[in-house]
Amino acid sequence: MCEYFRRGDTLWQIHGGKETLRDFERSFSESEMGEYIEWVSNLPLVYEDDMFVYKHAGLNPFEPIEKQSREIL
């Protein structure tokens, strides 16, 4: 989603982004949406605790997380 707003990457739209945008437009004013996008953009891509790794999308299980690029995460 962040890449869509930063660079116009349309891959996100193909995977549910169009529906998300429609919901955002109904739920947020333009300034609120900007604040939300800023907030989401600053969240960590990965969260780890002593037992698990939490991730919204994919990761490569065969490579250490710290060596994976932002595009993979």
N, C-alpha and C. Protein backbone atom coordinates (compact mmCIF):
# COMPACT_ATOMS: atom_id res chain seq x y z
N MET A 1 0.82 -1.18 0.00
CA MET A 1 0.00 0.00 0.00
C MET A 1 0.87 1.25 0.00
N CYS A 2 1.90 1.24 0.82
CA CYS A 2 2.75 2.43 0.91
C CYS A 2 3.41 2.75 -0.42
N GLU A 3 3.84 1.72 -1.14
CA GLU A 3 4.47 1.93 -2.44
C GLU A 3 3.48 2.52 -3.45
N TYR A 4 2.22 2.17 -3.32
CA TYR A 4 1.20 2.75 -4.19
C TYR A 4 1.12 4.26 -3.96
N PHE A 5 1.08 4.67 -2.71
CA PHE A 5 0.96 6.09 -2.41
C PHE A 5 2.26 6.85 -2.67
N ARG A 6 3.40 6.21 -2.51
CA ARG A 6 4.68 6.88 -2.76
C ARG A 6 5.01 6.97 -4.24
N ARG A 7 4.81 5.85 -4.96
CA ARG A 7 5.31 5.76 -6.33
C ARG A 7 4.27 5.36 -7.37
N GLY A 8 3.05 5.13 -6.93
CA GLY A 8 2.02 4.74 -7.88
C GLY A 8 2.09 3.28 -8.30
N ASP A 9 2.77 2.44 -7.50
CA ASP A 9 2.89 1.00 -7.80
C ASP A 9 1.50 0.37 -7.80
N THR A 10 1.07 -0.15 -8.93
CA THR A 10 -0.30 -0.65 -9.07
C THR A 10 -0.48 -2.11 -8.63
N LEU A 11 0.59 -2.79 -8.27
CA LEU A 11 0.47 -4.19 -7.84
C LEU A 11 -0.48 -4.30 -6.64
N TRP A 12 -0.39 -3.36 -5.72
CA TRP A 12 -1.26 -3.36 -4.54
C TRP A 12 -2.73 -3.29 -4.96
N GLN A 13 -3.05 -2.50 -5.97
CA GLN A 13 -4.44 -2.38 -6.41
C GLN A 13 -4.99 -3.71 -6.91
N ILE A 14 -4.16 -4.50 -7.54
CA ILE A 14 -4.59 -5.80 -8.07
C ILE A 14 -4.94 -6.77 -6.94
N HIS A 15 -4.31 -6.60 -5.79
CA HIS A 15 -4.48 -7.52 -4.67
C HIS A 15 -5.34 -6.91 -3.56
N GLY A 16 -6.44 -6.29 -3.92
CA GLY A 16 -7.38 -5.77 -2.94
C GLY A 16 -7.27 -4.28 -2.68
N GLY A 17 -6.32 -3.63 -3.30
CA GLY A 17 -6.12 -2.20 -3.07
C GLY A 17 -7.27 -1.33 -3.53
N LYS A 18 -7.91 -1.69 -4.63
CA LYS A 18 -9.04 -0.88 -5.12
C LYS A 18 -10.16 -0.84 -4.09
N GLU A 19 -10.45 -2.00 -3.51
CA GLU A 19 -11.49 -2.08 -2.49
C GLU A 19 -11.08 -1.31 -1.24
N THR A 20 -9.82 -1.40 -0.87
CA THR A 20 -9.31 -0.67 0.29
C THR A 20 -9.42 0.83 0.08
N LEU A 21 -9.03 1.29 -1.10
CA LEU A 21 -9.14 2.72 -1.41
C LEU A 21 -10.59 3.19 -1.32
N ARG A 22 -11.50 2.40 -1.84
CA ARG A 22 -12.91 2.76 -1.79
C ARG A 22 -13.37 2.89 -0.33
N ASP A 23 -12.96 1.95 0.51
CA ASP A 23 -13.31 2.01 1.94
C ASP A 23 -12.66 3.21 2.62
N PHE A 24 -11.41 3.49 2.30
CA PHE A 24 -10.72 4.65 2.88
C PHE A 24 -11.45 5.93 2.54
N GLU A 25 -11.84 6.07 1.28
CA GLU A 25 -12.51 7.29 0.84
C GLU A 25 -13.84 7.50 1.55
N ARG A 26 -14.50 6.41 1.92
CA ARG A 26 -15.76 6.51 2.66
C ARG A 26 -15.52 6.81 4.14
N SER A 27 -14.37 6.39 4.65
CA SER A 27 -14.11 6.45 6.10
C SER A 27 -13.28 7.64 6.56
N PHE A 28 -12.40 8.15 5.70
CA PHE A 28 -11.45 9.18 6.11
C PHE A 28 -11.54 10.41 5.23
N SER A 29 -11.29 11.56 5.85
CA SER A 29 -11.11 12.78 5.06
C SER A 29 -9.74 12.69 4.39
N GLU A 30 -9.46 13.59 3.48
CA GLU A 30 -8.18 13.57 2.78
C GLU A 30 -7.01 13.74 3.75
N SER A 31 -7.15 14.64 4.72
CA SER A 31 -6.05 14.85 5.68
C SER A 31 -5.91 13.66 6.62
N GLU A 32 -7.02 13.05 7.03
CA GLU A 32 -6.95 11.85 7.86
C GLU A 32 -6.28 10.71 7.12
N MET A 33 -6.60 10.58 5.85
CA MET A 33 -5.99 9.52 5.05
C MET A 33 -4.48 9.73 4.95
N GLY A 34 -4.06 10.97 4.78
CA GLY A 34 -2.63 11.27 4.74
C GLY A 34 -1.94 10.90 6.03
N GLU A 35 -2.59 11.21 7.16
CA GLU A 35 -2.04 10.84 8.47
C GLU A 35 -1.96 9.32 8.63
N TYR A 36 -2.98 8.63 8.19
CA TYR A 36 -3.01 7.17 8.29
C TYR A 36 -1.89 6.55 7.45
N ILE A 37 -1.73 7.02 6.22
CA ILE A 37 -0.69 6.49 5.34
C ILE A 37 0.68 6.74 5.96
N GLU A 38 0.88 7.91 6.54
CA GLU A 38 2.15 8.21 7.21
C GLU A 38 2.39 7.26 8.37
N TRP A 39 1.36 7.01 9.16
CA TRP A 39 1.46 6.10 10.31
C TRP A 39 1.81 4.69 9.85
N VAL A 40 1.08 4.19 8.85
CA VAL A 40 1.33 2.83 8.34
C VAL A 40 2.74 2.73 7.76
N SER A 41 3.18 3.76 7.08
CA SER A 41 4.52 3.75 6.46
C SER A 41 5.63 3.64 7.50
N ASN A 42 5.36 4.07 8.71
CA ASN A 42 6.38 4.04 9.76
C ASN A 42 6.32 2.81 10.66
N LEU A 43 5.37 1.92 10.41
CA LEU A 43 5.31 0.70 11.20
C LEU A 43 6.45 -0.23 10.80
N PRO A 44 6.93 -1.07 11.73
CA PRO A 44 7.97 -2.03 11.36
C PRO A 44 7.41 -3.06 10.38
N LEU A 45 8.26 -3.54 9.48
CA LEU A 45 7.83 -4.56 8.53
C LEU A 45 7.71 -5.92 9.18
N VAL A 46 8.47 -6.13 10.24
CA VAL A 46 8.51 -7.42 10.93
C VAL A 46 8.51 -7.15 12.43
N TYR A 47 7.80 -7.99 13.18
CA TYR A 47 7.86 -7.95 14.63
C TYR A 47 8.21 -9.35 15.11
N GLU A 48 9.16 -9.43 16.03
CA GLU A 48 9.58 -10.72 16.58
C GLU A 48 9.46 -10.70 18.09
N ASP A 49 9.04 -11.83 18.66
CA ASP A 49 9.15 -12.01 20.09
C ASP A 49 9.98 -13.27 20.33
N ASP A 50 9.96 -13.79 21.53
CA ASP A 50 10.81 -14.95 21.84
C ASP A 50 10.39 -16.22 21.11
N MET A 51 9.16 -16.26 20.61
CA MET A 51 8.68 -17.50 19.99
C MET A 51 8.33 -17.39 18.51
N PHE A 52 7.90 -16.22 18.07
CA PHE A 52 7.37 -16.09 16.72
C PHE A 52 7.89 -14.85 16.01
N VAL A 53 7.73 -14.89 14.68
CA VAL A 53 7.96 -13.74 13.82
C VAL A 53 6.60 -13.39 13.23
N TYR A 54 6.20 -12.14 13.33
CA TYR A 54 4.90 -11.69 12.83
C TYR A 54 5.13 -10.83 11.59
N LYS A 55 4.37 -11.13 10.54
CA LYS A 55 4.56 -10.48 9.25
C LYS A 55 3.24 -10.48 8.52
N HIS A 56 2.90 -9.38 7.89
CA HIS A 56 1.65 -9.33 7.13
C HIS A 56 1.74 -10.17 5.86
N ALA A 57 2.79 -9.98 5.12
CA ALA A 57 2.92 -10.69 3.85
C ALA A 57 4.00 -11.76 3.97
N GLY A 58 4.76 -11.95 2.94
CA GLY A 58 5.71 -13.05 2.91
C GLY A 58 7.08 -12.71 3.45
N LEU A 59 7.85 -13.75 3.62
CA LEU A 59 9.26 -13.64 3.92
C LEU A 59 9.91 -14.93 3.44
N ASN A 60 11.22 -14.90 3.31
CA ASN A 60 11.96 -16.07 2.86
C ASN A 60 12.40 -16.83 4.10
N PRO A 61 11.85 -18.03 4.36
CA PRO A 61 12.20 -18.76 5.58
C PRO A 61 13.61 -19.34 5.56
N PHE A 62 14.27 -19.28 4.42
CA PHE A 62 15.61 -19.86 4.28
C PHE A 62 16.73 -18.83 4.39
N GLU A 63 16.37 -17.59 4.69
CA GLU A 63 17.36 -16.52 4.81
C GLU A 63 17.07 -15.72 6.07
N PRO A 64 18.11 -15.33 6.81
CA PRO A 64 17.86 -14.52 8.02
C PRO A 64 17.09 -13.25 7.69
N ILE A 65 16.18 -12.87 8.54
CA ILE A 65 15.33 -11.70 8.30
C ILE A 65 16.16 -10.44 8.07
N GLU A 66 17.21 -10.27 8.85
CA GLU A 66 18.02 -9.05 8.72
C GLU A 66 18.73 -8.94 7.38
N LYS A 67 18.80 -10.02 6.62
CA LYS A 67 19.46 -9.99 5.30
C LYS A 67 18.44 -9.86 4.16
N GLN A 68 17.16 -9.89 4.47
CA GLN A 68 16.14 -9.82 3.44
C GLN A 68 15.85 -8.37 3.07
N SER A 69 15.62 -8.15 1.80
CA SER A 69 15.35 -6.80 1.32
C SER A 69 13.93 -6.38 1.67
N ARG A 70 13.70 -5.09 1.65
CA ARG A 70 12.38 -4.53 1.92
C ARG A 70 11.34 -5.06 0.92
N GLU A 71 11.78 -5.33 -0.31
CA GLU A 71 10.86 -5.82 -1.33
C GLU A 71 10.34 -7.23 -0.98
N ILE A 72 11.17 -8.04 -0.34
CA ILE A 72 10.73 -9.38 0.06
C ILE A 72 9.80 -9.28 1.27
N LEU A 73 10.18 -8.44 2.21
CA LEU A 73 9.39 -8.30 3.42
C LEU A 73 8.15 -7.48 3.17
